[in-house]
């Protein structure tokens, strides 16, 4: 179906792009050092950082993947979001004060002092891979919107969207990113509320009809689709299947990683004016993010009811994954084909604002890690700040190119929903990092040697567990080797892919601790663990 965008919709979009892009040059002249480009000279207030962090967390993954997941499946994958307050409470007491005292630029500078340069480089590379995957996912989702708008091929949309994002991200550094995210947060809410009002307004019976229909069709279920494409409730506990308790544990695991060792978050920690402002900013982000995630899941449920009452071939193909349709297409399909001219521009602008805010933050974090942990530390030392700022911009451009390539791969992938695929990829890529940081901060055990052994064991387990995605093949292989059917089932999929990250963190911690206990002496490690850190004047009182 052709796009129904009118002239006024295009005017809204062009005005948005021009306004956002104009912010970059304003701040570009102030970025004379990497301290300014990456941290804004550590001068941001909590309200601004909190909204910026919120805008980063509410990317197009939230705006499109959450409604798509609720539209096709149910609410199981919302459960991890509710563990964010617990994760923030723990990290604000343990990790945030340390990063503030260290005045670091990268979260991974700590790892060199604690475990050696090799561990720092390894974790930095893992972070870069994770972030390229994330921004590629975001761009893929935005391409779905542009495809609906223009009728162009998806690959053309990916290229066009990537060029726009690249142009925006390399101009103004962290100052431009934070201030544009402040604006984008409000655009996101405006677009989301507008969309919800229009969807519910098109449903005969309104919100009560949404609730009654969704309950009758089990759309609020804590479950997922089975092999036959039917919704079924999740088990309460299982390490081999999607289970409710494990989803909560997985959520806590993910949020502890995010707020202890993710450069996107740590970079915001250390760019605040003082520790109190940093703490307030992450709580502002929390209180805004959790309700927003739930809002977009409910929007997906409303879309389901709307298209039950107003069915057409495309919406049914999206619901059942037929004819190559992906669940994430449902919101842009509704926006472009069902929303009146003028309002469509507002809604799509909200989606684009979410995508651009998250992409800009991630690309800046990619640049910060590449320059601080690899380029400046190992490749090109002792050059002037002007050189490193220029290098940071070049890295940002390269990251955008990789982002476009990753988005093209997502386009070719066939999956249940992108939310499902994203959960699996996060579990596989995050595995071990949290375990390394917890051991580093909370114990005096571990050196570069034992950490290296822990990393090797964790990587080996992750690769082996990832093969569980092809458990039919691997189960048959183990049965051919003489194992029983039950044993072969367990060996083929030792844990569900969702939980690989949890067990990877456990393996990392246990292996390093055990090797250190057996072969290494406990070290004093002044200012490198939670127990041996001395307060720095001016930090604890928020000065």
Protein backbone atom coordinates (compact mmCIF):
# COMPACT_ATOMS: atom_id res chain seq x y z
CA UNK A 1 0.00 0.00 0.00
CA UNK A 2 1.37 3.42 -0.91
CA UNK A 3 2.25 5.96 1.73
CA UNK A 4 -0.49 8.44 2.59
CA UNK A 5 1.97 11.10 3.76
CA UNK A 6 0.85 14.57 2.78
CA UNK A 7 2.81 17.76 2.25
CA UNK A 8 2.22 18.88 5.83
CA UNK A 9 3.61 15.56 7.13
CA UNK A 10 6.78 16.05 5.10
CA UNK A 11 7.06 19.62 6.36
CA UNK A 12 6.89 18.34 9.96
CA UNK A 13 9.61 15.76 9.30
CA UNK A 14 11.92 18.13 7.42
CA UNK A 15 11.50 20.76 10.15
CA UNK A 16 12.43 18.18 12.76
CA UNK A 17 15.55 17.05 10.88
CA UNK A 18 16.72 20.60 10.21
CA UNK A 19 16.15 21.65 13.83
CA UNK A 20 18.02 18.66 15.26
CA UNK A 21 20.89 18.97 12.79
CA UNK A 22 21.29 22.68 13.56
CA UNK A 23 22.13 21.89 17.17
CA UNK A 24 25.33 20.10 16.15
CA UNK A 25 27.24 23.07 14.73
CA UNK A 26 26.28 25.21 17.74
CA UNK A 27 28.18 22.91 20.09
CA UNK A 28 30.87 21.74 17.64
CA UNK A 29 33.02 24.81 18.27
CA UNK A 30 33.13 24.02 22.00
CA UNK A 31 34.56 20.52 21.53
CA UNK A 32 38.25 21.33 21.77
CA UNK A 33 39.16 18.26 23.82
CA UNK A 34 37.99 14.67 24.32
CA UNK A 35 36.83 15.72 27.80
CA UNK A 36 34.42 18.12 26.14
CA UNK A 37 33.47 15.86 23.23
CA UNK A 38 32.71 12.80 25.38
CA UNK A 39 31.75 14.26 28.80
CA UNK A 40 30.72 17.89 28.29
CA UNK A 41 33.40 18.83 30.85
CA UNK A 42 31.36 17.02 33.54
CA UNK A 43 28.83 19.82 33.93
CA UNK A 44 25.33 18.37 33.33
CA UNK A 45 22.45 18.68 35.86
CA UNK A 46 20.40 15.65 36.90
CA UNK A 47 17.15 16.67 35.18
CA UNK A 48 18.88 17.01 31.83
CA UNK A 49 20.90 13.81 32.17
CA UNK A 50 17.87 11.87 33.42
CA UNK A 51 15.82 12.80 30.38
CA UNK A 52 18.79 12.09 28.10
CA UNK A 53 19.24 8.63 29.64
CA UNK A 54 15.52 8.01 29.29
CA UNK A 55 15.65 9.00 25.62
CA UNK A 56 18.59 6.61 25.14
CA UNK A 57 16.75 3.68 26.75
CA UNK A 58 13.51 4.35 24.83
CA UNK A 59 14.86 3.72 21.36
CA UNK A 60 12.96 2.56 18.29
CA UNK A 61 13.41 -0.92 19.81
CA UNK A 62 10.89 0.15 22.46
CA UNK A 63 8.68 2.16 20.13
CA UNK A 64 8.30 -0.59 17.51
CA UNK A 65 9.54 -3.90 18.92
CA UNK A 66 7.50 -3.72 22.13
CA UNK A 67 4.18 -3.06 20.33
CA UNK A 68 5.12 -5.68 17.72
CA UNK A 69 5.84 -8.24 20.44
CA UNK A 70 2.54 -7.56 22.23
CA UNK A 71 0.66 -7.58 18.92
CA UNK A 72 1.90 -11.02 17.88
CA UNK A 73 2.56 -12.64 21.26
CA UNK A 74 1.91 -11.59 24.88
CA UNK A 75 3.62 -9.91 27.85
CA UNK A 76 6.37 -12.34 28.91
CA UNK A 77 9.21 -10.17 27.62
CA UNK A 78 7.99 -7.15 29.60
CA UNK A 79 8.92 -8.80 32.91
CA UNK A 80 12.64 -7.89 32.86
CA UNK A 81 11.72 -4.19 32.78
CA UNK A 82 10.28 -4.37 36.29
CA UNK A 83 13.69 -5.28 37.72
CA UNK A 84 15.20 -1.92 36.71
CA UNK A 85 14.57 -0.24 40.11
CA UNK A 86 16.30 -3.12 41.92
CA UNK A 87 19.28 -2.94 39.57
CA UNK A 88 19.59 0.82 39.99
CA UNK A 89 19.33 0.59 43.79
CA UNK A 90 22.26 -1.86 43.91
CA UNK A 91 24.43 -0.07 41.37
CA UNK A 92 23.88 3.40 42.85
CA UNK A 93 25.33 2.14 46.14
CA UNK A 94 28.28 0.16 44.76
CA UNK A 95 29.35 1.18 41.27
CA UNK A 96 28.31 4.82 40.78
CA UNK A 97 30.39 6.22 43.68
CA UNK A 98 33.49 4.44 42.40
CA UNK A 99 33.20 5.79 38.87
CA UNK A 100 32.62 9.28 40.22
CA UNK A 101 35.75 9.11 42.36
CA UNK A 102 37.91 7.73 39.54
CA UNK A 103 36.94 10.55 37.12
CA UNK A 104 37.25 8.14 34.22
CA UNK A 105 36.11 8.65 30.64
CA UNK A 106 35.57 4.98 29.84
CA UNK A 107 34.04 2.31 32.08
CA UNK A 108 36.85 -0.02 31.03
CA UNK A 109 39.78 2.02 32.33
CA UNK A 110 39.13 0.33 35.68
CA UNK A 111 39.75 -3.11 34.21
CA UNK A 112 43.37 -2.36 33.30
CA UNK A 113 44.22 -1.33 36.86
CA UNK A 114 42.37 -4.32 38.27
CA UNK A 115 43.19 -7.12 35.81
CA UNK A 116 45.60 -5.77 33.19
CA UNK A 117 45.58 -4.21 29.72
CA UNK A 118 44.53 -7.40 27.90
CA UNK A 119 41.27 -7.71 29.82
CA UNK A 120 40.49 -4.04 29.20
CA UNK A 121 40.95 -4.45 25.45
CA UNK A 122 38.87 -7.64 25.33
CA UNK A 123 35.88 -6.14 27.16
CA UNK A 124 36.15 -2.95 25.09
CA UNK A 125 35.92 -4.98 21.88
CA UNK A 126 32.93 -6.94 23.22
CA UNK A 127 31.20 -3.66 24.06
CA UNK A 128 31.84 -2.32 20.56
CA UNK A 129 30.29 -5.45 19.01
CA UNK A 130 27.24 -5.17 21.26
CA UNK A 131 26.68 -1.51 20.45
CA UNK A 132 27.07 -1.98 16.69
CA UNK A 133 24.42 -4.70 16.95
CA UNK A 134 22.17 -2.39 18.97
CA UNK A 135 22.34 0.61 16.65
CA UNK A 136 21.93 -1.73 13.69
CA UNK A 137 18.70 -2.97 15.26
CA UNK A 138 17.52 0.60 15.79
CA UNK A 139 18.26 1.56 12.18
CA UNK A 140 16.51 -1.56 10.90
CA UNK A 141 13.35 -0.57 12.74
CA UNK A 142 13.52 2.98 11.43
CA UNK A 143 13.91 1.61 7.89
CA UNK A 144 10.53 -0.08 8.28
CA UNK A 145 8.98 3.34 8.86
CA UNK A 146 10.70 4.90 5.87
CA UNK A 147 9.77 1.93 3.70
CA UNK A 148 6.11 2.46 4.52
CA UNK A 149 6.42 6.19 3.97
CA UNK A 150 8.24 6.19 0.64
CA UNK A 151 7.63 2.81 -0.97
CA UNK A 152 11.39 2.51 -1.58
CA UNK A 153 13.27 -0.76 -1.10
CA UNK A 154 14.24 -1.56 2.50
CA UNK A 155 17.96 -1.38 1.67
CA UNK A 156 17.51 2.10 0.24
CA UNK A 157 15.73 3.08 3.42
CA UNK A 158 18.58 1.70 5.56
CA UNK A 159 21.13 3.67 3.56
CA UNK A 160 19.10 6.90 3.71
CA UNK A 161 18.40 6.54 7.43
CA UNK A 162 22.04 5.76 8.15
CA UNK A 163 23.25 8.86 6.32
CA UNK A 164 20.84 11.08 8.29
CA UNK A 165 21.90 9.59 11.62
CA UNK A 166 25.60 9.82 10.69
CA UNK A 167 25.25 13.48 9.78
CA UNK A 168 23.65 14.21 13.14
CA UNK A 169 25.91 12.23 15.47
CA UNK A 170 29.34 13.49 14.42
CA UNK A 171 28.60 17.21 14.70
CA UNK A 172 28.29 18.29 18.31
CA UNK A 173 29.60 15.64 20.69
CA UNK A 174 27.90 14.81 23.98
CA UNK A 175 26.53 18.34 24.57
CA UNK A 176 24.56 18.31 21.32
CA UNK A 177 23.42 14.75 21.98
CA UNK A 178 22.16 15.45 25.50
CA UNK A 179 20.27 18.62 24.53
CA UNK A 180 18.68 17.05 21.46
CA UNK A 181 17.71 14.04 23.57
CA UNK A 182 15.94 16.43 25.94
CA UNK A 183 13.78 17.64 23.02
CA UNK A 184 13.41 14.13 21.58
CA UNK A 185 12.03 12.78 24.85
CA UNK A 186 9.06 15.13 24.61
CA UNK A 187 8.59 14.41 20.90
CA UNK A 188 8.51 10.71 21.75
CA UNK A 189 5.75 11.22 24.33
CA UNK A 190 3.78 13.48 21.99
CA UNK A 191 3.92 10.93 19.18
CA UNK A 192 3.14 7.98 21.45
CA UNK A 193 0.14 9.63 23.12
CA UNK A 194 -1.19 10.81 19.77
CA UNK A 195 -0.92 7.28 18.38
CA UNK A 196 -2.61 5.73 21.42
CA UNK A 197 -5.52 8.19 21.23
CA UNK A 198 -6.02 7.43 17.53
CA UNK A 199 -5.82 3.66 17.98
CA UNK A 200 -8.24 3.57 20.92
CA UNK A 201 -10.51 6.07 19.17
CA UNK A 202 -10.83 3.64 16.26
CA UNK A 203 -11.88 0.73 18.50
CA UNK A 204 -15.58 0.18 19.02
CA UNK A 205 -15.92 0.17 22.80
CA UNK A 206 -12.62 1.90 23.59
CA UNK A 207 -10.38 0.78 26.45
CA UNK A 208 -12.97 -1.62 27.97
CA UNK A 209 -13.15 -3.42 24.62
CA UNK A 210 -9.35 -3.63 24.50
CA UNK A 211 -9.21 -5.22 27.93
CA UNK A 212 -12.08 -7.67 27.38
CA UNK A 213 -10.87 -8.78 23.93
CA UNK A 214 -7.26 -9.10 25.04
CA UNK A 215 -8.23 -11.16 28.08
CA UNK A 216 -10.44 -13.43 25.99
CA UNK A 217 -7.58 -14.00 23.52
CA UNK A 218 -4.94 -14.40 26.26
CA UNK A 219 -2.98 -11.36 25.07
CA UNK A 220 -2.10 -10.36 28.65
CA UNK A 221 -0.68 -13.82 29.28
CA UNK A 222 2.83 -14.26 30.64
CA UNK A 223 3.60 -16.62 27.80
CA UNK A 224 4.78 -16.95 24.22
CA UNK A 225 4.04 -18.68 20.94
CA UNK A 226 4.69 -22.40 20.74
CA UNK A 227 5.91 -24.33 17.69
CA UNK A 228 2.36 -24.42 16.33
CA UNK A 229 2.08 -20.62 16.51
CA UNK A 230 -0.36 -20.68 19.44
CA UNK A 231 -0.05 -18.72 22.68
CA UNK A 232 0.73 -20.82 25.73
CA UNK A 233 1.61 -19.79 29.31
CA UNK A 234 5.25 -19.83 30.37
CA UNK A 235 6.45 -22.13 33.13
CA UNK A 236 7.18 -20.59 36.52
CA UNK A 237 10.74 -21.90 36.55
CA UNK A 238 12.92 -23.67 34.02
CA UNK A 239 16.42 -23.19 32.67
CA UNK A 240 15.52 -24.95 29.42
CA UNK A 241 12.38 -22.96 28.53
CA UNK A 242 11.15 -19.39 28.82
CA UNK A 243 10.02 -19.12 32.45
CA UNK A 244 8.59 -16.33 34.60
CA UNK A 245 11.06 -16.41 37.50
CA UNK A 246 13.99 -16.73 35.11
CA UNK A 247 12.78 -13.68 33.16
CA UNK A 248 12.92 -11.64 36.38
CA UNK A 249 16.41 -12.97 37.13
CA UNK A 250 17.48 -12.24 33.57
CA UNK A 251 16.16 -8.70 33.94
CA UNK A 252 18.14 -8.10 37.12
CA UNK A 253 21.22 -9.57 35.44
CA UNK A 254 20.82 -7.24 32.46
CA UNK A 255 20.19 -4.10 34.52
CA UNK A 256 23.14 -4.80 36.80
CA UNK A 257 25.26 -5.04 33.66
CA UNK A 258 23.78 -1.83 32.24
CA UNK A 259 24.45 0.24 35.36
CA UNK A 260 27.79 -1.29 36.34
CA UNK A 261 29.72 -1.70 33.09
CA UNK A 262 27.85 -0.28 30.08
CA UNK A 263 29.69 2.73 28.68
CA UNK A 264 26.40 4.36 27.62
CA UNK A 265 25.41 4.66 31.28
CA UNK A 266 28.83 5.16 32.87
CA UNK A 267 29.51 8.03 30.49
CA UNK A 268 26.41 9.75 31.88
CA UNK A 269 27.46 8.97 35.50
CA UNK A 270 30.72 10.81 35.14
CA UNK A 271 29.41 13.72 33.06
CA UNK A 272 27.09 14.93 35.86
CA UNK A 273 28.02 17.92 38.03
CA UNK A 274 28.46 15.83 41.18
CA UNK A 275 27.53 12.43 42.70
CA UNK A 276 24.10 13.57 43.92
CA UNK A 277 23.18 14.81 40.46
CA UNK A 278 24.41 11.54 38.94
CA UNK A 279 22.28 9.47 41.34
CA UNK A 280 19.19 11.59 40.76
CA UNK A 281 19.62 11.27 36.99
CA UNK A 282 19.45 7.47 36.96
CA UNK A 283 16.37 7.46 39.21
CA UNK A 284 14.68 9.99 36.91
CA UNK A 285 15.46 7.65 34.02
CA UNK A 286 14.02 4.70 35.95
CA UNK A 287 10.74 6.39 36.89
CA UNK A 288 10.21 7.47 33.28
CA UNK A 289 11.36 4.28 31.53
CA UNK A 290 9.39 1.51 33.26
CA UNK A 291 5.93 3.05 32.70
CA UNK A 292 6.89 3.91 29.13
CA UNK A 293 7.87 0.31 28.33
CA UNK A 294 4.55 -0.88 29.75
CA UNK A 295 2.74 1.82 27.73
CA UNK A 296 4.19 0.59 24.44
CA UNK A 297 3.35 -3.03 25.23
CA UNK A 298 -0.24 -1.96 25.87
CA UNK A 299 -0.19 0.02 22.61
CA UNK A 300 0.61 -3.26 20.85
CA UNK A 301 -2.38 -4.87 22.54
CA UNK A 302 -4.59 -1.98 21.40
CA UNK A 303 -3.32 -2.44 17.85
CA UNK A 304 -4.24 -6.12 18.06
CA UNK A 305 -7.81 -5.29 19.06
CA UNK A 306 -8.05 -2.52 16.46
CA UNK A 307 -7.11 -4.88 13.64
CA UNK A 308 -9.38 -7.60 15.00
CA UNK A 309 -12.22 -5.15 14.51
CA UNK A 310 -10.80 -3.72 11.26
CA UNK A 311 -8.95 -6.64 9.67
CA UNK A 312 -7.09 -6.52 6.38
CA UNK A 313 -4.63 -8.82 4.67
CA UNK A 314 -1.47 -6.99 5.72
CA UNK A 315 -2.36 -6.81 9.42
CA UNK A 316 -3.21 -10.53 9.43
CA UNK A 317 0.05 -11.38 7.67
CA UNK A 318 1.93 -9.40 10.31
CA UNK A 319 0.04 -11.17 13.10
CA UNK A 320 0.87 -14.62 11.77
CA UNK A 321 4.29 -13.86 10.28
CA UNK A 322 3.05 -14.72 6.79
CA UNK A 323 4.54 -13.55 3.48
CA UNK A 324 7.72 -12.39 5.15
CA UNK A 325 5.94 -9.87 7.37
CA UNK A 326 7.65 -8.96 10.67
CA UNK A 327 5.84 -8.08 13.90
CA UNK A 328 7.67 -4.74 14.09
CA UNK A 329 5.88 -3.56 10.95
CA UNK A 330 2.52 -3.18 12.69
CA UNK A 331 3.01 0.29 14.21
CA UNK A 332 4.43 1.97 11.08
CA UNK A 333 1.73 0.23 9.02
CA UNK A 334 -0.95 1.74 11.25
CA UNK A 335 0.74 5.16 11.31
CA UNK A 336 1.12 5.52 7.57
CA UNK A 337 -2.15 3.95 6.46
CA UNK A 338 -4.62 4.74 9.23
CA UNK A 339 -3.58 8.09 10.74
CA UNK A 340 -4.88 11.32 9.13
CA UNK A 341 -2.55 13.72 7.37
CA UNK A 342 -0.80 16.09 9.74
CA UNK A 343 -1.03 13.74 12.71
CA UNK A 344 0.95 11.07 10.84
CA UNK A 345 3.93 13.41 10.69
CA UNK A 346 3.77 13.94 14.46
CA UNK A 347 3.67 10.20 15.23
CA UNK A 348 6.45 9.27 12.81
CA UNK A 349 8.58 12.13 14.13
CA UNK A 350 8.23 10.62 17.60
CA UNK A 351 9.48 7.26 16.30
CA UNK A 352 12.41 8.90 14.54
CA UNK A 353 13.22 10.96 17.65
CA UNK A 354 13.48 7.75 19.69
CA UNK A 355 15.75 6.14 17.10
CA UNK A 356 18.04 9.13 16.67
CA UNK A 357 18.44 9.76 20.40
CA UNK A 358 19.49 6.18 21.13
CA UNK A 359 21.72 5.92 18.05
CA UNK A 360 23.54 9.16 18.79
CA UNK A 361 24.28 8.15 22.37
CA UNK A 362 25.52 4.69 21.38
CA UNK A 363 27.71 6.00 18.57
CA UNK A 364 29.28 8.55 20.90
CA UNK A 365 29.93 5.75 23.42
CA UNK A 366 31.49 3.61 20.66
CA UNK A 367 33.77 6.51 19.79
CA UNK A 368 34.68 7.10 23.45
CA UNK A 369 35.68 3.47 24.02
CA UNK A 370 37.57 3.17 20.75
CA UNK A 371 39.59 6.34 21.34
CA UNK A 372 40.13 6.00 25.11
CA UNK A 373 40.66 2.26 25.50
CA UNK A 374 42.28 1.29 22.21
CA UNK A 375 43.47 4.13 19.95
CA UNK A 376 44.87 6.55 22.53
CA UNK A 377 46.03 3.82 24.91
CA UNK A 378 47.73 1.42 22.47
CA UNK A 379 47.92 2.73 18.90
CA UNK A 380 48.62 6.48 18.77
CA UNK A 381 49.95 7.91 22.03
CA UNK A 382 50.90 11.41 23.13
CA UNK A 383 49.14 13.37 20.40
CA UNK A 384 47.27 16.64 20.86
CA UNK A 385 43.60 16.89 21.82
CA UNK A 386 42.70 18.25 18.40
CA UNK A 387 43.98 15.03 16.84
CA UNK A 388 41.93 12.82 19.17
CA UNK A 389 38.73 14.83 18.66
CA UNK A 390 39.17 14.43 14.89
CA UNK A 391 39.81 10.71 15.36
CA UNK A 392 36.63 10.48 17.46
CA UNK A 393 34.59 11.91 14.60
CA UNK A 394 36.16 9.47 12.12
CA UNK A 395 35.32 6.55 14.41
CA UNK A 396 31.74 7.82 14.65
CA UNK A 397 31.43 7.78 10.86
CA UNK A 398 32.86 4.26 10.70
CA UNK A 399 30.40 3.12 13.37
CA UNK A 400 27.54 4.47 11.29
CA UNK A 401 28.72 2.47 8.28
CA UNK A 402 28.83 -0.72 10.36
CA UNK A 403 25.40 0.15 11.74
CA UNK A 404 23.98 0.18 8.22
CA UNK A 405 25.53 -3.21 7.44
CA UNK A 406 24.12 -4.72 10.63
CA UNK A 407 20.65 -3.32 9.85
CA UNK A 408 20.78 -5.00 6.43
CA UNK A 409 21.53 -8.35 8.11
CA UNK A 410 18.53 -7.92 10.43
CA UNK A 411 16.37 -7.28 7.39
CA UNK A 412 17.38 -10.65 5.97
CA UNK A 413 16.84 -12.50 9.27
CA UNK A 414 13.66 -14.48 9.90
CA UNK A 415 12.61 -14.56 13.54
CA UNK A 416 9.66 -14.73 15.93
CA UNK A 417 9.90 -11.03 16.81
CA UNK A 418 12.87 -8.68 16.97
CA UNK A 419 12.30 -8.39 20.71
CA UNK A 420 12.84 -12.15 20.92
CA UNK A 421 15.97 -12.01 18.75
CA UNK A 422 17.32 -9.02 20.66
CA UNK A 423 16.86 -10.80 23.99
CA UNK A 424 18.84 -13.79 22.71
CA UNK A 425 21.65 -11.69 21.26
CA UNK A 426 21.97 -9.64 24.45
CA UNK A 427 22.23 -12.81 26.51
CA UNK A 428 24.96 -14.23 24.27
CA UNK A 429 27.01 -11.03 24.01
CA UNK A 430 26.67 -9.78 27.61
CA UNK A 431 27.75 -13.09 29.16
CA UNK A 432 30.60 -12.81 31.65
CA UNK A 433 31.03 -9.03 31.77
CA UNK A 434 28.89 -8.51 34.87
CA UNK A 435 30.59 -11.47 36.59
CA UNK A 436 33.99 -9.89 35.92
CA UNK A 437 32.93 -6.52 37.35
CA UNK A 438 31.24 -8.03 40.41
CA UNK A 439 34.35 -10.04 41.22
CA UNK A 440 36.56 -7.01 40.60
CA UNK A 441 34.55 -4.65 42.79
CA UNK A 442 33.49 -6.98 45.60
CA UNK A 443 36.52 -9.27 46.08
CA UNK A 444 40.30 -8.97 46.24
CA UNK A 445 40.75 -12.08 44.13
CA UNK A 446 41.79 -12.29 40.51
CA UNK A 447 44.66 -11.17 38.27
CA UNK A 448 45.05 -10.87 34.53
CA UNK A 449 45.96 -14.56 34.29
CA UNK A 450 42.96 -15.90 36.19
CA UNK A 451 40.69 -13.40 34.41
CA UNK A 452 41.99 -14.69 31.08
CA UNK A 453 41.11 -18.26 32.08
CA UNK A 454 37.66 -17.10 33.17
CA UNK A 455 37.11 -15.35 29.84
CA UNK A 456 38.13 -18.45 27.87
CA UNK A 457 35.77 -20.67 29.88
CA UNK A 458 32.90 -18.19 29.50
CA UNK A 459 33.40 -17.83 25.74
CA UNK A 460 33.54 -21.61 25.35
CA UNK A 461 30.31 -22.04 27.31
CA UNK A 462 28.59 -19.26 25.35
CA UNK A 463 29.50 -20.81 22.00
CA UNK A 464 28.39 -24.25 23.18
CA UNK A 465 25.11 -22.93 24.62
CA UNK A 466 24.42 -20.92 21.47
CA UNK A 467 24.39 -24.16 19.51
CA UNK A 468 21.21 -24.94 21.45
CA UNK A 469 19.43 -22.82 18.82
CA UNK A 470 19.95 -25.84 16.57
CA UNK A 471 19.05 -28.36 19.28
CA UNK A 472 17.35 -30.75 16.85
CA UNK A 473 20.64 -31.22 15.02
CA UNK A 474 22.83 -31.32 18.13
CA UNK A 475 20.45 -33.70 19.94
CA UNK A 476 20.67 -36.15 17.05
CA UNK A 477 24.46 -35.84 17.12
CA UNK A 478 24.64 -36.74 20.83
CA UNK A 479 22.25 -39.68 20.31
CA UNK A 480 24.50 -40.95 17.53
CA UNK A 481 27.36 -40.86 20.03
CA UNK A 482 25.44 -43.27 22.29
CA UNK A 483 23.77 -40.94 24.79
CA UNK A 484 20.15 -41.54 25.82
CA UNK A 485 17.41 -39.31 24.43
CA UNK A 486 16.93 -37.47 27.74
CA UNK A 487 20.65 -36.89 28.24
CA UNK A 488 21.04 -35.82 24.62
CA UNK A 489 18.23 -33.28 25.10
CA UNK A 490 20.05 -31.71 28.05
CA UNK A 491 23.44 -31.77 26.32
CA UNK A 492 21.95 -30.24 23.15
CA UNK A 493 20.51 -27.29 25.06
CA UNK A 494 22.11 -26.96 28.53
CA UNK A 495 20.14 -23.74 29.17
CA UNK A 496 17.69 -21.68 27.15
CA UNK A 497 19.40 -19.02 25.02
CA UNK A 498 17.72 -16.30 27.10
CA UNK A 499 19.70 -17.41 30.18
CA UNK A 500 23.15 -17.93 28.67
CA UNK A 501 24.22 -14.52 29.95
CA UNK A 502 23.21 -15.35 33.54
CA UNK A 503 25.21 -18.58 33.57
CA UNK A 504 28.07 -16.91 31.73
CA UNK A 505 28.39 -14.38 34.56
CA UNK A 506 28.34 -17.17 37.14
CA UNK A 507 31.01 -19.12 35.26
CA UNK A 508 33.20 -16.02 34.91
CA UNK A 509 33.00 -15.26 38.64
CA UNK A 510 33.47 -18.83 39.86
CA UNK A 511 36.35 -19.72 37.53
CA UNK A 512 38.36 -16.56 38.29
CA UNK A 513 37.73 -16.86 42.03
CA UNK A 514 38.64 -20.57 42.09
CA UNK A 515 41.83 -20.16 40.03
CA UNK A 516 42.89 -17.20 42.15
CA UNK A 517 42.13 -19.09 45.37
CA UNK A 518 44.28 -22.02 44.27
CA UNK A 519 47.21 -20.33 42.56
CA UNK A 520 47.30 -16.61 43.43
CA UNK A 521 47.73 -14.53 46.54
CA UNK A 522 45.09 -12.11 47.75
CA UNK A 523 46.21 -8.55 46.99
CA UNK A 524 45.57 -5.30 48.86
CA UNK A 525 44.29 -3.45 45.74
CA UNK A 526 43.92 0.04 47.25
CA UNK A 527 41.06 2.04 45.68
CA UNK A 528 40.22 -0.84 43.31
CA UNK A 529 37.51 -2.68 45.27
CA UNK A 530 34.41 -1.66 47.20
CA UNK A 531 36.15 -2.61 50.46
CA UNK A 532 39.46 -0.83 49.84
CA UNK A 533 38.27 2.47 48.34
CA UNK A 534 39.02 5.67 50.23
CA UNK A 535 36.69 8.68 49.84
CA UNK A 536 37.97 11.59 47.79
CA UNK A 537 37.38 15.07 49.20
CA UNK A 538 34.47 16.82 47.53
CA UNK A 539 32.83 13.73 46.04
CA UNK A 540 30.93 12.30 48.98
CA UNK A 541 29.26 15.57 49.89
CA UNK A 542 28.28 16.28 46.32
CA UNK A 543 30.60 19.24 45.85
